Protein backbone atom coordinates (compact mmCIF):
# COMPACT_ATOMS: atom_id res chain seq x y z
CA UNK A 1 196.41 167.42 165.49
CA UNK A 2 192.68 167.88 164.77
CA UNK A 3 193.27 168.39 161.04
CA UNK A 4 195.34 165.19 160.93
CA UNK A 5 192.51 163.30 162.58
CA UNK A 6 190.02 164.70 160.08
CA UNK A 7 192.10 163.58 157.10
CA UNK A 8 192.63 160.18 158.65
CA UNK A 9 188.89 159.57 158.58
CA UNK A 10 188.83 159.49 154.78
CA UNK A 11 190.92 156.36 154.28
CA UNK A 12 189.07 153.93 156.52
CA UNK A 13 185.61 155.38 155.81
CA UNK A 14 184.35 152.30 153.97
CA UNK A 15 185.76 149.96 156.57
CA UNK A 16 184.12 151.97 159.33
CA UNK A 17 180.81 151.87 157.52
CA UNK A 18 181.11 148.11 157.20
CA UNK A 19 182.33 147.47 160.71
CA UNK A 20 180.14 149.78 162.83
CA UNK A 21 176.77 148.11 162.46
CA UNK A 22 176.75 147.23 166.17
CA UNK A 23 175.38 144.12 167.87
CA UNK A 24 172.53 142.19 166.28
CA UNK A 25 169.08 143.24 167.36
CA UNK A 26 167.12 140.97 169.65
CA UNK A 27 163.38 140.54 169.75
CA UNK A 28 161.89 143.37 171.81
CA UNK A 29 159.91 142.36 174.85
CA UNK A 30 156.17 143.07 174.74
CA UNK A 31 155.47 146.64 175.78
CA UNK A 32 153.01 147.70 178.44
CA UNK A 33 149.56 149.17 177.94
CA UNK A 34 148.86 152.91 178.00
CA UNK A 35 145.37 153.54 179.39
CA UNK A 36 143.81 156.71 177.97
CA UNK A 37 140.79 158.90 178.66
CA UNK A 38 139.84 160.69 175.44
CA UNK A 39 137.25 163.35 174.66
CA UNK A 40 134.36 161.87 172.68
CA UNK A 41 134.79 163.68 169.37
CA UNK A 42 138.19 162.15 168.74
CA UNK A 43 136.86 158.63 169.23
CA UNK A 44 133.60 159.11 167.33
CA UNK A 45 135.35 160.37 164.19
CA UNK A 46 137.83 157.48 164.11
CA UNK A 47 140.71 159.91 164.59
CA UNK A 48 141.95 158.47 167.87
CA UNK A 49 141.86 154.86 166.68
CA UNK A 50 144.00 155.73 163.65
CA UNK A 51 146.42 157.73 165.79
CA UNK A 52 146.73 155.00 168.41
CA UNK A 53 147.47 152.43 165.71
CA UNK A 54 150.33 154.63 164.45
CA UNK A 55 151.74 154.90 167.97
CA UNK A 56 151.48 151.16 168.55
CA UNK A 57 153.36 150.48 165.31
CA UNK A 58 156.04 153.07 166.07
CA UNK A 59 156.63 152.35 169.76
CA UNK A 60 155.19 148.91 170.47
CA UNK A 61 152.89 150.00 173.29
CA UNK A 62 149.26 148.92 173.40
CA UNK A 63 146.78 151.81 173.72
CA UNK A 64 143.51 151.13 175.56
CA UNK A 65 140.68 153.67 175.69
CA UNK A 66 139.26 153.30 179.20
CA UNK A 67 136.99 156.35 179.10
CA UNK A 68 135.48 158.45 176.32
CA UNK A 69 132.75 161.06 176.24
CA UNK A 70 132.26 164.56 177.60
CA UNK A 71 135.05 166.19 179.58
CA UNK A 72 133.54 165.78 183.06
CA UNK A 73 133.01 162.05 182.53
CA UNK A 74 136.56 161.35 181.39
CA UNK A 75 137.96 163.61 184.14
CA UNK A 76 136.17 161.53 186.79
CA UNK A 77 137.64 158.33 185.36
CA UNK A 78 141.06 159.93 185.50
CA UNK A 79 140.56 161.00 189.13
CA UNK A 80 139.73 157.38 189.99
CA UNK A 81 143.14 156.35 188.65
CA UNK A 82 141.75 154.43 185.69
CA UNK A 83 143.87 156.20 183.03
CA UNK A 84 147.53 157.04 182.52
CA UNK A 85 146.89 159.85 180.02
CA UNK A 86 143.99 162.22 179.36
CA UNK A 87 143.24 164.58 176.50
CA UNK A 88 140.46 167.13 176.12
CA UNK A 89 139.93 170.77 175.22
CA UNK A 90 141.96 173.27 177.23
CA UNK A 91 139.64 174.14 180.10
CA UNK A 92 139.38 174.56 183.85
CA UNK A 93 138.56 170.85 184.03
CA UNK A 94 141.98 169.64 182.93
CA UNK A 95 143.84 172.44 184.70
CA UNK A 96 142.10 171.49 187.94
CA UNK A 97 143.30 167.90 187.49
CA UNK A 98 146.82 169.30 187.54
CA UNK A 99 146.16 171.74 190.38
CA UNK A 100 144.62 168.99 192.51
CA UNK A 101 147.57 166.64 192.01
CA UNK A 102 145.94 164.09 189.70
CA UNK A 103 147.76 165.04 186.47
CA UNK A 104 151.02 166.64 185.46
CA UNK A 105 152.76 168.25 182.48
CA UNK A 106 149.72 169.57 180.51
CA UNK A 107 150.67 170.42 176.92
CA UNK A 108 148.67 171.58 173.86
CA UNK A 109 148.98 169.27 170.88
CA UNK A 110 146.31 170.14 168.30
CA UNK A 111 143.25 172.32 167.73
CA UNK A 112 139.77 172.09 166.30
CA UNK A 113 137.58 174.65 164.57
CA UNK A 114 134.50 176.47 165.70
CA UNK A 115 132.21 177.84 162.98
CA UNK A 116 129.47 180.43 162.80
CA UNK A 117 126.19 179.02 161.50
CA UNK A 118 122.92 180.76 160.74
CA UNK A 119 119.61 180.79 158.86
CA UNK A 120 119.66 179.89 155.15
CA UNK A 121 118.55 183.36 154.01
CA UNK A 122 121.57 184.88 155.81
CA UNK A 123 120.09 188.29 156.68
CA UNK A 124 123.46 189.56 157.97
CA UNK A 125 125.20 188.60 154.70
CA UNK A 126 128.13 186.80 156.36
CA UNK A 127 128.22 183.55 154.36
CA UNK A 128 131.66 182.87 152.95
CA UNK A 129 133.55 185.25 155.23
CA UNK A 130 136.76 183.99 156.84
CA UNK A 131 136.98 186.91 159.28
CA UNK A 132 134.84 186.13 162.34
CA UNK A 133 135.18 189.66 163.72
CA UNK A 134 133.74 191.15 160.55
CA UNK A 135 130.93 188.58 160.60
CA UNK A 136 129.99 189.48 164.18
CA UNK A 137 130.05 193.17 163.26
CA UNK A 138 127.59 192.54 160.42
CA UNK A 139 125.37 190.42 162.67
CA UNK A 140 125.23 193.28 165.19
CA UNK A 141 124.61 195.97 162.54
CA UNK A 142 121.85 193.95 160.86
CA UNK A 143 119.95 193.54 164.13
CA UNK A 144 120.10 189.74 164.02
CA UNK A 145 119.93 187.54 167.11
CA UNK A 146 122.99 185.61 168.30
CA UNK A 147 122.75 182.54 170.54
CA UNK A 148 125.70 182.15 172.91
CA UNK A 149 126.55 178.48 173.58
CA UNK A 150 126.70 177.23 177.17
CA UNK A 151 130.25 175.95 176.64
CA UNK A 152 132.68 178.17 178.51
CA UNK A 153 135.33 177.35 175.92
CA UNK A 154 133.12 178.58 173.09
CA UNK A 155 132.30 181.67 175.14
CA UNK A 156 136.00 182.39 175.63
CA UNK A 157 136.63 182.13 171.88
CA UNK A 158 133.67 184.41 171.16
CA UNK A 159 134.87 186.96 173.71
CA UNK A 160 138.37 187.00 172.23
CA UNK A 161 137.05 187.55 168.70
CA UNK A 162 134.77 190.37 169.85
CA UNK A 163 137.58 192.06 171.77
CA UNK A 164 140.01 191.74 168.88
CA UNK A 165 137.52 193.24 166.42
CA UNK A 166 136.32 195.95 168.80
CA UNK A 167 132.74 194.69 168.47
CA UNK A 168 130.04 194.01 171.05
CA UNK A 169 126.82 192.06 170.64
CA UNK A 170 123.50 193.82 171.25
CA UNK A 171 122.26 192.58 174.68
CA UNK A 172 118.71 192.83 173.38
CA UNK A 173 119.56 190.47 170.53
CA UNK A 174 121.64 187.96 172.47
CA UNK A 175 120.40 184.66 173.93
CA UNK A 176 122.74 183.18 176.52
CA UNK A 177 122.42 179.46 177.27
CA UNK A 178 123.57 178.56 180.77
CA UNK A 179 122.99 174.85 180.16
CA UNK A 180 122.46 172.80 177.04
CA UNK A 181 122.29 169.25 178.33
CA UNK A 182 120.01 168.16 175.50
CA UNK A 183 122.33 169.83 172.96
CA UNK A 184 119.54 172.00 171.64
CA UNK A 185 121.63 175.06 170.77
CA UNK A 186 120.95 174.70 167.05
CA UNK A 187 117.26 174.08 167.57
CA UNK A 188 117.01 177.25 169.64
CA UNK A 189 118.98 179.23 167.05
CA UNK A 190 116.76 177.92 164.26
CA UNK A 191 113.58 178.85 166.13
CA UNK A 192 114.84 182.40 166.60
CA UNK A 193 116.34 182.65 163.08
CA UNK A 194 119.58 183.43 164.83
CA UNK A 195 123.30 182.88 164.35
CA UNK A 196 125.47 180.92 166.76
CA UNK A 197 128.99 179.56 167.26
CA UNK A 198 129.44 175.77 167.43
CA UNK A 199 132.05 173.10 166.78
CA UNK A 200 132.70 172.37 163.10
CA UNK A 201 132.95 168.60 163.61
CA UNK A 202 129.67 168.07 165.54
CA UNK A 203 127.84 170.40 163.14
CA UNK A 204 129.05 168.81 159.89
CA UNK A 205 128.91 165.25 161.22
CA UNK A 206 125.28 165.60 162.31
CA UNK A 207 126.10 164.96 165.96
CA UNK A 208 124.27 168.23 166.56
CA UNK A 209 121.03 168.20 164.49
CA UNK A 210 121.34 171.32 162.35
CA UNK A 211 117.60 172.11 162.17
CA UNK A 212 118.04 173.77 158.79
CA UNK A 213 120.90 176.05 159.80
CA UNK A 214 123.76 176.55 157.34
CA UNK A 215 127.51 176.92 157.84
CA UNK A 216 128.39 180.58 157.31
CA UNK A 217 131.89 181.43 158.58
CA UNK A 218 134.88 179.14 158.97
CA UNK A 219 138.64 179.27 158.57
CA UNK A 220 139.44 182.16 160.91
CA UNK A 221 142.36 181.02 163.11
CA UNK A 222 140.75 182.88 166.01
CA UNK A 223 137.91 180.33 165.92
CA UNK A 224 140.14 177.51 167.13
CA UNK A 225 140.37 175.77 170.48
CA UNK A 226 143.41 173.80 171.63
CA UNK A 227 143.36 170.26 172.96
CA UNK A 228 145.64 169.51 175.90
CA UNK A 229 147.26 166.22 176.90
CA UNK A 230 148.36 165.42 180.47
CA UNK A 231 149.73 162.34 182.21
CA UNK A 232 149.00 160.82 185.60
CA UNK A 233 150.93 162.28 188.53
CA UNK A 234 153.08 159.42 189.89
CA UNK A 235 152.99 160.94 193.37
CA UNK A 236 149.25 160.15 193.53
CA UNK A 237 149.20 157.13 191.24
CA UNK A 238 152.49 155.25 191.78
CA UNK A 239 151.30 152.25 189.77
CA UNK A 240 150.37 154.33 186.71
CA UNK A 241 152.25 153.66 183.49
CA UNK A 242 153.74 157.15 183.53
CA UNK A 243 156.75 156.60 181.27
CA UNK A 244 154.60 154.97 178.61
CA UNK A 245 152.11 157.86 178.89
CA UNK A 246 154.92 160.38 178.50
CA UNK A 247 156.11 158.52 175.42
CA UNK A 248 152.63 158.81 173.93
CA UNK A 249 152.43 162.52 174.82
CA UNK A 250 155.74 163.16 173.04
CA UNK A 251 154.49 161.17 170.05
CA UNK A 252 151.40 163.40 169.82
CA UNK A 253 153.58 166.50 169.55
CA UNK A 254 156.21 165.02 167.22
CA UNK A 255 156.65 166.55 163.78
CA UNK A 256 155.72 163.24 162.11
CA UNK A 257 152.40 163.13 163.97
CA UNK A 258 151.72 166.81 163.37
CA UNK A 259 152.22 166.32 159.63
CA UNK A 260 149.84 163.35 159.73
CA UNK A 261 147.24 165.47 161.58
CA UNK A 262 147.51 168.10 158.85
CA UNK A 263 146.12 165.61 156.31
CA UNK A 264 143.98 163.21 158.29
CA UNK A 265 140.27 163.19 157.46
CA UNK A 266 140.28 165.38 154.35
CA UNK A 267 137.02 164.63 152.55
CA UNK A 268 135.40 163.03 155.59
CA UNK A 269 133.35 166.14 156.44
CA UNK A 270 134.63 168.73 153.96
CA UNK A 271 137.86 169.50 152.10
CA UNK A 272 139.78 170.24 155.32
CA UNK A 273 141.51 167.89 157.77
CA UNK A 274 139.44 166.91 160.81
CA UNK A 275 141.75 168.69 163.23
CA UNK A 276 144.34 171.44 163.00
CA UNK A 277 147.98 170.67 163.70
CA UNK A 278 149.50 172.50 166.64
CA UNK A 279 151.45 175.18 164.80
CA UNK A 280 148.65 176.15 162.45
CA UNK A 281 147.56 178.89 164.83
CA UNK A 282 148.90 182.34 163.89
CA UNK A 283 152.19 183.23 165.53
CA UNK A 284 151.17 186.91 165.57
CA UNK A 285 148.46 189.31 164.37
CA UNK A 286 149.35 192.77 163.02
CA UNK A 287 146.76 195.53 162.66
CA UNK A 288 143.13 195.72 163.74
CA UNK A 289 141.31 196.30 160.45
CA UNK A 290 138.14 194.60 159.29
CA UNK A 291 139.77 192.71 156.39
CA UNK A 292 141.91 189.68 157.13
CA UNK A 293 145.03 188.39 155.39
CA UNK A 294 147.07 185.28 156.30
CA UNK A 295 150.77 185.32 155.40
CA UNK A 296 152.91 182.18 155.73
CA UNK A 297 156.66 182.60 156.09
CA UNK A 298 159.59 181.70 158.33
CA UNK A 299 162.58 183.88 159.15
CA UNK A 300 161.10 187.18 157.88
CA UNK A 301 158.43 186.66 160.55
CA UNK A 302 160.84 185.51 163.24
CA UNK A 303 163.09 188.54 162.69
CA UNK A 304 160.32 191.15 162.52
CA UNK A 305 160.45 192.17 158.85
CA UNK A 306 156.94 190.85 158.26
CA UNK A 307 155.71 192.84 161.26
CA UNK A 308 157.15 196.10 159.86
CA UNK A 309 155.64 195.45 156.42
CA UNK A 310 152.29 194.25 157.74
CA UNK A 311 151.71 197.13 160.14
CA UNK A 312 152.19 199.67 157.36
CA UNK A 313 149.98 197.69 154.96
CA UNK A 314 147.27 197.20 157.60
CA UNK A 315 147.08 200.94 158.31
CA UNK A 316 146.59 201.74 154.63
CA UNK A 317 144.12 198.96 153.85
CA UNK A 318 141.87 198.56 156.93
CA UNK A 319 143.40 195.12 157.39
CA UNK A 320 144.85 192.78 159.93
CA UNK A 321 147.62 190.41 158.92
CA UNK A 322 147.94 186.98 160.55
CA UNK A 323 151.40 185.42 160.44
CA UNK A 324 151.59 181.66 160.09
CA UNK A 325 155.12 180.57 161.03
CA UNK A 326 156.28 177.98 158.51
CA UNK A 327 159.32 177.14 156.41
CA UNK A 328 159.14 177.64 152.67
CA UNK A 329 157.90 174.14 151.86
CA UNK A 330 155.12 174.25 154.42
CA UNK A 331 154.26 177.87 153.48
CA UNK A 332 153.63 176.83 149.89
CA UNK A 333 151.54 173.88 151.06
CA UNK A 334 149.46 176.22 153.24
CA UNK A 335 148.95 178.46 150.21
CA UNK A 336 147.92 175.49 148.08
CA UNK A 337 145.45 174.28 150.73
CA UNK A 338 143.86 177.73 151.08
CA UNK A 339 145.17 178.06 154.64
CA UNK A 340 147.27 181.09 153.68
CA UNK A 341 146.60 183.98 151.31
CA UNK A 342 150.27 184.85 150.74
CA UNK A 343 153.51 182.87 151.03
CA UNK A 344 156.93 184.53 151.34
CA UNK A 345 159.45 181.85 150.41
CA UNK A 346 162.97 181.23 149.13
CA UNK A 347 162.80 178.06 147.06
CA UNK A 348 162.65 179.14 143.42
CA UNK A 349 161.98 175.77 141.78
CA UNK A 350 158.95 175.02 143.98
CA UNK A 351 157.63 178.56 143.49
CA UNK A 352 157.79 178.23 139.71
CA UNK A 353 156.05 174.85 139.88
CA UNK A 354 153.26 176.37 141.97
CA UNK A 355 152.64 179.05 139.34
CA UNK A 356 152.85 176.56 136.48
CA UNK A 357 150.28 174.29 138.16
CA UNK A 358 147.88 177.21 138.56
CA UNK A 359 147.37 177.33 142.34
CA UNK A 360 149.71 180.29 142.93
CA UNK A 361 150.09 183.59 141.12
CA UNK A 362 151.93 186.93 141.06
CA UNK A 363 155.35 185.51 141.97
CA UNK A 364 157.11 188.73 142.95
CA UNK A 365 160.72 189.41 143.97
CA UNK A 366 160.92 190.84 147.50
CA UNK A 367 164.62 190.88 148.45
CA UNK A 368 167.46 188.70 149.65
CA UNK A 369 169.96 187.82 152.31
CA UNK A 370 172.65 185.12 152.25
CA UNK A 371 173.62 181.97 154.08
CA UNK A 372 176.59 181.68 156.42
CA UNK A 373 178.28 178.56 157.75
CA UNK A 374 178.96 179.01 161.45
CA UNK A 375 180.62 176.68 163.90
CA UNK A 376 182.98 176.32 166.85
CA UNK A 377 185.90 178.74 166.98
CA UNK A 378 188.50 175.96 166.89
CA UNK A 379 186.97 174.82 163.58
CA UNK A 380 187.96 171.13 163.65
CA UNK A 381 186.85 170.66 160.02
CA UNK A 382 188.91 173.67 158.82
CA UNK A 383 185.90 175.24 157.13
CA UNK A 384 187.68 178.60 157.09
CA UNK A 385 190.08 177.25 154.45
CA UNK A 386 187.26 176.24 152.05
CA UNK A 387 186.89 178.00 148.70
CA UNK A 388 183.21 177.10 148.21
CA UNK A 389 180.21 176.01 150.21
CA UNK A 390 180.46 172.52 148.73
CA UNK A 391 184.10 172.25 149.83
CA UNK A 392 183.14 173.43 153.32
CA UNK A 393 180.47 170.76 153.56
CA UNK A 394 182.90 168.13 152.28
CA UNK A 395 185.37 169.05 155.03
CA UNK A 396 182.67 168.74 157.69
CA UNK A 397 181.63 165.30 156.40
CA UNK A 398 185.24 164.08 156.19
CA UNK A 399 185.84 165.15 159.77
CA UNK A 400 182.47 163.82 160.94
CA UNK A 401 182.12 167.04 162.91
CA UNK A 402 178.67 167.59 164.39
CA UNK A 403 176.38 169.40 161.93
CA UNK A 404 172.80 170.46 162.64
CA UNK A 405 170.21 170.29 159.87
CA UNK A 406 166.75 171.79 160.14
CA UNK A 407 165.45 168.80 158.13
CA UNK A 408 162.05 170.43 157.74
CA UNK A 409 161.67 170.90 153.95
CA UNK A 410 162.17 174.64 154.43
CA UNK A 411 164.03 176.74 151.89
CA UNK A 412 167.08 176.56 154.15
CA UNK A 413 166.89 172.76 154.27
CA UNK A 414 166.50 172.52 150.49
CA UNK A 415 169.51 174.78 149.97
CA UNK A 416 171.51 172.71 152.46
CA UNK A 417 170.67 169.49 150.59
CA UNK A 418 171.65 171.10 147.28
CA UNK A 419 175.07 171.93 148.75
CA UNK A 420 175.53 168.37 150.01
CA UNK A 421 174.72 167.16 146.49
CA UNK A 422 177.31 169.51 144.98
CA UNK A 423 179.80 168.16 147.53
CA UNK A 424 179.01 164.58 146.53
CA UNK A 425 178.01 163.68 150.08
CA UNK A 426 174.89 161.90 151.37
CA UNK A 427 174.99 163.05 155.00
CA UNK A 428 174.27 160.37 157.57
CA UNK A 429 175.58 159.16 160.89
CA UNK A 430 175.57 160.38 164.44
CA UNK A 431 177.48 163.54 163.45
CA UNK A 432 174.55 164.69 161.28
CA UNK A 433 171.71 165.81 163.57
CA UNK A 434 168.22 166.60 162.29
CA UNK A 435 166.45 169.17 164.52
CA UNK A 436 163.06 169.57 162.72
CA UNK A 437 163.04 173.14 164.08
CA UNK A 438 163.13 176.75 162.93
CA UNK A 439 166.21 178.84 162.17
CA UNK A 440 166.79 180.66 165.47
CA UNK A 441 166.07 177.60 167.60
CA UNK A 442 168.51 175.48 165.61
CA UNK A 443 171.18 178.19 165.73
CA UNK A 444 170.91 178.36 169.52
CA UNK A 445 171.10 174.59 169.73
CA UNK A 446 174.25 174.61 167.58
CA UNK A 447 175.76 177.04 170.07
CA UNK A 448 174.86 174.76 172.99
CA UNK A 449 176.30 171.68 171.26
CA UNK A 450 179.36 173.30 169.57
CA UNK A 451 178.08 172.20 166.19
CA UNK A 452 178.28 173.51 162.63
CA UNK A 453 175.14 175.03 161.12
CA UNK A 454 174.11 176.97 158.04
CA UNK A 455 172.17 180.03 159.17
CA UNK A 456 170.95 182.99 157.18
CA UNK A 457 172.78 186.27 157.58
CA UNK A 458 169.76 188.08 159.00
CA UNK A 459 169.34 185.60 161.83
CA UNK A 460 173.07 185.76 162.54
CA UNK A 461 172.94 189.56 162.90
CA UNK A 462 170.00 189.35 165.29
CA UNK A 463 170.93 186.26 167.32
CA UNK A 464 174.71 186.06 166.92
CA UNK A 465 175.29 187.80 170.24
CA UNK A 466 173.46 184.92 171.92
CA UNK A 467 175.84 182.33 170.46
CA UNK A 468 179.23 182.92 172.14
CA UNK A 469 180.48 179.45 171.22
CA UNK A 470 180.01 179.98 167.47
CA UNK A 471 182.01 181.90 164.86
CA UNK A 472 181.21 182.89 161.30
CA UNK A 473 183.49 180.59 159.31
CA UNK A 474 182.36 180.78 155.69
CA UNK A 475 180.44 183.22 153.49
CA UNK A 476 180.52 184.68 149.99
CA UNK A 477 179.66 181.77 147.69
CA UNK A 478 177.08 183.14 145.19
CA UNK A 479 175.26 179.81 145.50
CA UNK A 480 174.44 180.80 149.09
CA UNK A 481 172.55 183.96 148.20
CA UNK A 482 169.01 183.55 149.49
CA UNK A 483 166.35 185.19 147.29
CA UNK A 484 162.81 185.73 148.59
CA UNK A 485 159.63 185.91 146.53
CA UNK A 486 156.00 186.45 147.48
CA UNK A 487 153.14 184.50 145.91
CA UNK A 488 149.38 184.59 146.41
CA UNK A 489 146.34 182.62 145.34
CA UNK A 490 144.92 183.34 141.88
CA UNK A 491 142.20 185.97 141.58
CA UNK A 492 138.88 184.69 142.94
CA UNK A 493 140.35 181.54 144.46
CA UNK A 494 139.69 182.56 148.06
CA UNK A 495 137.75 185.37 149.78
CA UNK A 496 141.06 187.06 150.62
CA UNK A 497 142.65 186.77 147.15
CA UNK A 498 142.09 190.41 146.17
CA UNK A 499 143.59 191.71 149.41
CA UNK A 500 146.48 189.25 149.02
CA UNK A 501 147.25 190.62 145.55
CA UNK A 502 147.36 194.14 147.01
CA UNK A 503 149.78 192.95 149.70
CA UNK A 504 152.10 191.41 147.10
CA UNK A 505 152.00 194.64 145.10
CA UNK A 506 152.79 196.57 148.30
CA UNK A 507 155.89 194.43 148.89
CA UNK A 508 157.18 195.39 145.42
CA UNK A 509 156.27 199.08 145.77
CA UNK A 510 158.83 201.73 146.69
CA UNK A 511 157.27 202.06 150.14
CA UNK A 512 157.53 198.32 150.74
CA UNK A 513 161.03 198.10 149.30
CA UNK A 514 162.25 200.94 151.53
CA UNK A 515 161.05 198.97 154.55
CA UNK A 516 162.94 195.91 153.27
CA UNK A 517 166.27 197.65 152.66
CA UNK A 518 166.16 199.75 155.86
CA UNK A 519 164.89 197.09 158.26
CA UNK A 520 167.33 196.41 161.08
CA UNK A 521 169.54 199.50 160.67
CA UNK A 522 168.39 201.18 163.88
CA UNK A 523 168.63 198.31 166.38
CA UNK A 524 171.50 196.38 164.76
CA UNK A 525 173.52 198.96 162.87
CA UNK A 526 173.04 197.20 159.54
CA UNK A 527 170.15 196.17 157.33
CA UNK A 528 169.04 192.56 157.61
CA UNK A 529 167.93 192.25 153.98
CA UNK A 530 168.85 193.58 150.54
CA UNK A 531 166.07 194.90 148.33
CA UNK A 532 164.69 193.46 145.11
CA UNK A 533 166.89 195.62 142.89
CA UNK A 534 170.01 194.05 144.40
CA UNK A 535 168.53 190.53 144.57
CA UNK A 536 167.55 190.48 140.89
CA UNK A 537 171.12 189.68 139.78
CA UNK A 538 170.92 186.34 141.61
CA UNK A 539 167.63 185.11 140.12
């Protein structure tokens, strides 16, 4: 009966499209105001005003800043019930608002950078480094003084970097500020010809007078502090506009806003955006060496292949490898922006363009897996009977069976869209669901919703046991072979370019290739990837 219903959809498709527009829209009623308490730096840079305008256009709510300034000042306004939403650095201040029943549902939503600054003659020779741990080691070994900021948040970041690098500051060469109400940290550092750790935005904007100090170290993901957003607790503030505040909090974390954050303010202070989008922090760090390498990739990181490769490389090269979790499209953008040293991707056309345009180099074949179409066991679209991926997709569209798309410009998404094009289908409608999420998360959601999804074979081997409602329905179309390459920045483009080139060469070496073709055999009984020798036939 289900197959008959699927075929019956084809005939009246145009009529359905014409007749299902729904009732005419009416003029929306004016929305309420969201009162916000915002840390000063976001307001002073113009960032919050631009963000609030976007929210007002998207949702119709009016956003009113009722308090702005340092964290204690905006926290007091929030305790008085003057705001529906508050955002500041992650700290005891905002956590105590939650613990004391004033706020609820604290969530991180972006980060900002701290930087190491120092005297112009740079006696420790740290200028240009992107590895804060190595910089602190050189400062210690050179006998230079280091001023520790009074901010507990900055102290926490400093402590984490020192612990990660296995370094300690010389107590005799350390100046600890317990208070800095006049914001004289840079003046004190300048007087002592010392180095210190401060916020990138206040330093470059001149909010903190630099007293002749120079920016030395930036770009290490460990030098980042998260901002947290929380909403008023309705149990304490029953008249607060809680639902509107929650809507704004969701907007701050949405993929559209995060993409906007990734570009906002470039050129205002330097060539970087003002703030760092939420997922720009490393998903993992492998190795404890003194040299740092940032690798951007998706499923190879999720499934542990990158970990196996990176740990071996780190041991041989005195390195630590930071994994930035990103789909292929975003990985290449991170490489282009200098936010990653290496990208491992599976979107050949974009990779070739990157090399042709000169901002990527050493495109090197790493290996492959393949894509599977999975779905509910009863297979209402009869995907099992398809002879090609395009035919399978056409059956799903004709049946209007629920299909999940990552819709994130990843290599998987680009391959999916290429298959839709081959099928002659422009997918749209309530059956076609865009998740804006990674591979494993979307696969698990497909299981929960009994939906079709195109997953890669490696993820299916690892996570298939967690998806009892799904069955492998289609595989074997050569068009669905998924070939991975590694690319790095050209020689001299970034401080880590030389190490990145060595990492790419390691991936292509026999040692690296053995890791690729053997990975997964022990825990899963089969390898998750094929090596470059096999993959070459599909290039």
